[in-house]
C-alpha atoms as a PDB file:
ATOM      1  CA  MET A   1      26.467  -4.489 -44.134  1.00  0.00           C
ATOM      2  CA  ALA A   2      23.971  -6.034 -46.158  1.00  0.00           C
ATOM      3  CA  ASP A   3      21.072  -7.699 -44.284  1.00  0.00           C
ATOM      4  CA  GLU A   4      19.727  -7.632 -40.905  1.00  0.00           C
ATOM      5  CA  ALA A   5      19.307 -10.379 -38.820  1.00  0.00           C
ATOM      6  CA  LEU A   6      17.506 -10.845 -35.614  1.00  0.00           C
ATOM      7  CA  LEU A   7      19.144 -11.732 -32.152  1.00  0.00           C
ATOM      8  CA  PHE A   8      16.985 -12.758 -29.459  1.00  0.00           C
ATOM      9  CA  VAL A   9      17.170 -14.661 -26.051  1.00  0.00           C
ATOM     10  CA  LEU A  10      15.245 -17.814 -26.070  1.00  0.00           C
ATOM     11  CA  PRO A  11      12.757 -18.036 -23.227  1.00  0.00           C
ATOM     12  CA  GLU A  12      13.381 -21.049 -20.855  1.00  0.00           C
ATOM     13  CA  ARG A  13      11.943 -24.171 -21.651  1.00  0.00           C
ATOM     14  CA  HIS A  14      11.480 -23.343 -25.373  1.00  0.00           C
ATOM     15  CA  PRO A  15      11.964 -25.324 -28.296  1.00  0.00           C
ATOM     16  CA  ARG A  16      15.194 -24.281 -29.788  1.00  0.00           C
ATOM     17  CA  LEU A  17      14.746 -22.204 -32.854  1.00  0.00           C
ATOM     18  CA  GLY A  18      17.104 -20.468 -35.104  1.00  0.00           C
ATOM     19  CA  ALA A  19      20.729 -21.091 -34.407  1.00  0.00           C
ATOM     20  CA  ALA A  20      22.775 -20.418 -31.457  1.00  0.00           C
ATOM     21  CA  LEU A  21      25.017 -17.291 -32.008  1.00  0.00           C
ATOM     22  CA  SER A  22      28.093 -19.401 -31.105  1.00  0.00           C
ATOM     23  CA  ALA A  23      27.145 -22.008 -33.891  1.00  0.00           C
ATOM     24  CA  VAL A  24      27.430 -19.375 -36.772  1.00  0.00           C
ATOM     25  CA  GLY A  25      31.010 -18.380 -35.978  1.00  0.00           C
ATOM     26  CA  GLU A  26      32.403 -14.993 -35.319  1.00  0.00           C
ATOM     27  CA  LEU A  27      30.123 -12.071 -36.555  1.00  0.00           C
ATOM     28  CA  GLU A  28      31.443  -8.411 -36.863  1.00  0.00           C
ATOM     29  CA  CYS A  29      28.677  -7.499 -34.855  1.00  0.00           C
ATOM     30  CA  SER A  30      28.880  -9.745 -32.105  1.00  0.00           C
ATOM     31  CA  GLN A  31      31.583  -7.265 -30.718  1.00  0.00           C
ATOM     32  CA  SER A  32      29.739  -4.342 -31.178  1.00  0.00           C
ATOM     33  CA  PRO A  33      28.953  -2.109 -27.948  1.00  0.00           C
ATOM     34  CA  ALA A  34      25.307  -2.670 -28.963  1.00  0.00           C
ATOM     35  CA  VAL A  35      25.053  -6.419 -28.823  1.00  0.00           C
ATOM     36  CA  LEU A  36      27.793  -6.351 -25.921  1.00  0.00           C
ATOM     37  CA  GLY A  37      25.498  -4.082 -23.777  1.00  0.00           C
ATOM     38  CA  TRP A  38      22.245  -6.034 -24.827  1.00  0.00           C
ATOM     39  CA  LEU A  39      23.635  -9.227 -23.811  1.00  0.00           C
ATOM     40  CA  GLY A  40      25.032  -7.741 -20.732  1.00  0.00           C
ATOM     41  CA  ALA A  41      21.657  -6.064 -19.936  1.00  0.00           C
ATOM     42  CA  HIS A  42      20.200  -9.523 -19.806  1.00  0.00           C
ATOM     43  CA  GLY A  43      23.022 -11.076 -17.871  1.00  0.00           C
ATOM     44  CA  ILE A  44      23.766 -13.876 -20.639  1.00  0.00           C
ATOM     45  CA  PRO A  45      27.032 -14.646 -22.539  1.00  0.00           C
ATOM     46  CA  ALA A  46      27.183 -14.953 -26.110  1.00  0.00           C
ATOM     47  CA  SER A  47      28.160 -18.404 -25.903  1.00  0.00           C
ATOM     48  CA  SER A  48      24.804 -19.289 -24.138  1.00  0.00           C
ATOM     49  CA  GLU A  49      22.692 -21.778 -26.041  1.00  0.00           C
ATOM     50  CA  ARG A  50      19.801 -19.253 -25.273  1.00  0.00           C
ATOM     51  CA  VAL A  51      21.483 -16.503 -27.367  1.00  0.00           C
ATOM     52  CA  ARG A  52      19.968 -17.280 -30.860  1.00  0.00           C
ATOM     53  CA  ILE A  53      19.980 -15.691 -34.215  1.00  0.00           C
ATOM     54  CA  VAL A  54      17.667 -15.662 -37.320  1.00  0.00           C
ATOM     55  CA  PRO A  55      18.246 -14.316 -40.760  1.00  0.00           C
ATOM     56  CA  ALA A  56      16.066 -11.445 -42.134  1.00  0.00           C
ATOM     57  CA  GLY A  57      12.684 -12.720 -43.199  1.00  0.00           C
ATOM     58  CA  ALA A  58      12.569 -15.419 -40.509  1.00  0.00           C
ATOM     59  CA  GLU A  59      11.449 -13.068 -37.644  1.00  0.00           C
ATOM     60  CA  VAL A  60       7.925 -15.280 -37.336  1.00  0.00           C
ATOM     61  CA  LEU A  61      10.268 -18.117 -35.662  1.00  0.00           C
ATOM     62  CA  VAL A  62      11.071 -15.808 -32.928  1.00  0.00           C
ATOM     63  CA  PRO A  63       8.832 -16.316 -29.727  1.00  0.00           C
ATOM     64  CA  GLU A  64       6.712 -13.378 -28.942  1.00  0.00           C
ATOM     65  CA  ASP A  65       8.233 -13.000 -25.410  1.00  0.00           C
ATOM     66  CA  ALA A  66      11.703 -13.304 -26.481  1.00  0.00           C
ATOM     67  CA  GLU A  67      13.910 -10.242 -25.880  1.00  0.00           C
ATOM     68  CA  ARG A  68      15.136  -9.192 -29.561  1.00  0.00           C
ATOM     69  CA  LEU A  69      17.985  -7.083 -31.191  1.00  0.00           C
ATOM     70  CA  PRO A  70      18.312  -6.358 -34.959  1.00  0.00           C
ATOM     71  CA  VAL A  71      21.677  -6.761 -36.215  1.00  0.00           C
ATOM     72  CA  PRO A  72      23.564  -6.130 -39.339  1.00  0.00           C
ATOM     73  CA  LEU A  73      25.466  -9.156 -41.279  1.00  0.00           C
ATOM     74  CA  SER A  74      27.645  -9.003 -44.347  1.00  0.00           C
ATOM     75  CA  GLU A  75      26.641 -10.978 -47.424  1.00  0.00           C
ATOM     76  CA  GLU A  76      28.960 -13.772 -45.976  1.00  0.00           C
ATOM     77  CA  GLU A  77      27.834 -13.589 -42.706  1.00  0.00           C
ATOM     78  CA  THR A  78      24.283 -13.851 -43.835  1.00  0.00           C
ATOM     79  CA  LEU A  79      25.004 -16.823 -45.841  1.00  0.00           C
ATOM     80  CA  ARG A  80      26.312 -18.559 -42.688  1.00  0.00           C
ATOM     81  CA  VAL A  81      23.379 -17.741 -40.546  1.00  0.00           C
ATOM     82  CA  GLU A  82      20.869 -19.183 -43.075  1.00  0.00           C
ATOM     83  CA  HIS A  83      22.914 -22.341 -43.430  1.00  0.00           C
ATOM     84  CA  VAL A  84      23.159 -23.244 -39.828  1.00  0.00           C
ATOM     85  CA  CYS A  85      19.326 -22.115 -39.488  1.00  0.00           C
ATOM     86  CA  ALA A  86      18.300 -24.543 -42.215  1.00  0.00           C
ATOM     87  CA  PRO A  87      15.947 -27.193 -41.122  1.00  0.00           C
ATOM     88  CA  GLU A  88      17.411 -30.817 -40.856  1.00  0.00           C
ATOM     89  CA  SER A  89      16.497 -33.303 -43.361  1.00  0.00           C
ATOM     90  CA  VAL A  90      13.763 -35.949 -42.023  1.00  0.00           C
ATOM     91  CA  THR A  91      16.457 -38.468 -42.513  1.00  0.00           C
ATOM     92  CA  ASP A  92      18.852 -37.040 -40.510  1.00  0.00           C
ATOM     93  CA  MET A  93      16.648 -35.971 -37.896  1.00  0.00           C
ATOM     94  CA  GLU A  94      15.247 -39.486 -38.023  1.00  0.00           C
ATOM     95  CA  SER A  95      18.730 -40.986 -37.465  1.00  0.00           C
ATOM     96  CA  GLU A  96      19.388 -38.667 -34.644  1.00  0.00           C
ATOM     97  CA  LEU A  97      16.207 -40.170 -32.963  1.00  0.00           C
ATOM     98  CA  ILE A  98      17.294 -43.755 -33.456  1.00  0.00           C
ATOM     99  CA  GLY A  99      20.619 -42.796 -31.858  1.00  0.00           C
ATOM    100  CA  PHE A 100      18.804 -41.535 -28.929  1.00  0.00           C
ATOM    101  CA  ARG A 101      18.268 -45.134 -27.804  1.00  0.00           C
ATOM    102  CA  ASP A 102      21.982 -45.046 -26.698  1.00  0.00           C
ATOM    103  CA  THR A 103      21.577 -41.762 -24.481  1.00  0.00           C
ATOM    104  CA  THR A 104      19.208 -39.919 -22.412  1.00  0.00           C
ATOM    105  CA  GLN A 105      20.717 -36.535 -22.490  1.00  0.00           C
ATOM    106  CA  ASP A 106      18.280 -33.722 -23.411  1.00  0.00           C
ATOM    107  CA  TRP A 107      15.533 -35.820 -24.866  1.00  0.00           C
ATOM    108  CA  ARG A 108      13.016 -33.100 -24.638  1.00  0.00           C
ATOM    109  CA  SER A 109      14.870 -30.673 -26.782  1.00  0.00           C
ATOM    110  CA  LEU A 110      15.323 -33.707 -29.445  1.00  0.00           C
ATOM    111  CA  VAL A 111      11.548 -34.299 -29.120  1.00  0.00           C
ATOM    112  CA  HIS A 112      10.939 -30.412 -29.680  1.00  0.00           C
ATOM    113  CA  ARG A 113      13.283 -30.584 -32.536  1.00  0.00           C
ATOM    114  CA  ALA A 114      11.708 -33.406 -34.355  1.00  0.00           C
ATOM    115  CA  LEU A 115       8.369 -32.114 -33.948  1.00  0.00           C
ATOM    116  CA  THR A 116       9.356 -28.912 -35.409  1.00  0.00           C
ATOM    117  CA  ALA A 117      11.040 -30.549 -38.318  1.00  0.00           C
ATOM    118  CA  GLY A 118       7.355 -32.318 -38.978  1.00  0.00           C
ATOM    119  CA  ILE A 119       7.985 -35.749 -37.544  1.00  0.00           C
ATOM    120  CA  PRO A 120       4.743 -37.100 -35.973  1.00  0.00           C
ATOM    121  CA  ALA A 121       4.826 -38.139 -32.316  1.00  0.00           C
ATOM    122  CA  SER A 122       3.833 -41.627 -33.298  1.00  0.00           C
ATOM    123  CA  ARG A 123       6.931 -42.028 -35.499  1.00  0.00           C
ATOM    124  CA  ILE A 124       8.927 -40.354 -32.747  1.00  0.00           C
ATOM    125  CA  ALA A 125       7.865 -42.949 -30.277  1.00  0.00           C
ATOM    126  CA  GLN A 126       8.504 -45.642 -32.811  1.00  0.00           C
ATOM    127  CA  LEU A 127      12.254 -44.361 -33.276  1.00  0.00           C
ATOM    128  CA  THR A 128      13.163 -43.567 -29.729  1.00  0.00           C
ATOM    129  CA  GLY A 129      11.364 -46.227 -27.656  1.00  0.00           C
ATOM    130  CA  LEU A 130       9.680 -43.230 -25.563  1.00  0.00           C
ATOM    131  CA  ASP A 131       6.314 -43.633 -24.374  1.00  0.00           C
ATOM    132  CA  PRO A 132       3.978 -41.763 -26.552  1.00  0.00           C
ATOM    133  CA  ARG A 133       2.766 -39.851 -23.334  1.00  0.00           C
ATOM    134  CA  ASP A 134       6.022 -38.899 -22.546  1.00  0.00           C
ATOM    135  CA  ILE A 135       6.286 -36.931 -26.087  1.00  0.00           C
ATOM    136  CA  VAL A 136       2.896 -35.499 -25.684  1.00  0.00           C
ATOM    137  CA  GLN A 137       3.823 -34.263 -21.990  1.00  0.00           C
ATOM    138  CA  ALA A 138       7.358 -32.875 -23.378  1.00  0.00           C
ATOM    139  CA  VAL A 139       5.302 -30.742 -25.810  1.00  0.00           C
ATOM    140  CA  ASP A 140       3.105 -29.271 -23.129  1.00  0.00           C
ATOM    141  CA  ASP A 141       5.928 -28.450 -20.927  1.00  0.00           C
END
């Protein structure tokens, strides 16, 4: 094992940070007694979107109130985690915001991700057609 990553349970109603454990593919550590016991203690399955992982050095992204567990990763696993955790380009994020006009699913998460990517609230409103007050309210929730 080469590097340590940080596994954490994202608190309810928090912007999605890091990568979902299920999105990075099978990790050797995910079947270890330590990880399985940790997940069991929190009553959450590994497939939950709330089970997140960040690579070593990205611990500052983890909310202070999140339950955490350092996990070892191989070099190849570290690359996969880093790739999935890499921020979306602004262009990709804006395309997703434009596509929002056709759906209303999980709009708060989309707004949080866009703000995290550095897109101003006024631009989000312009691209999605959302009321700017709703965007501000989503940030405060």
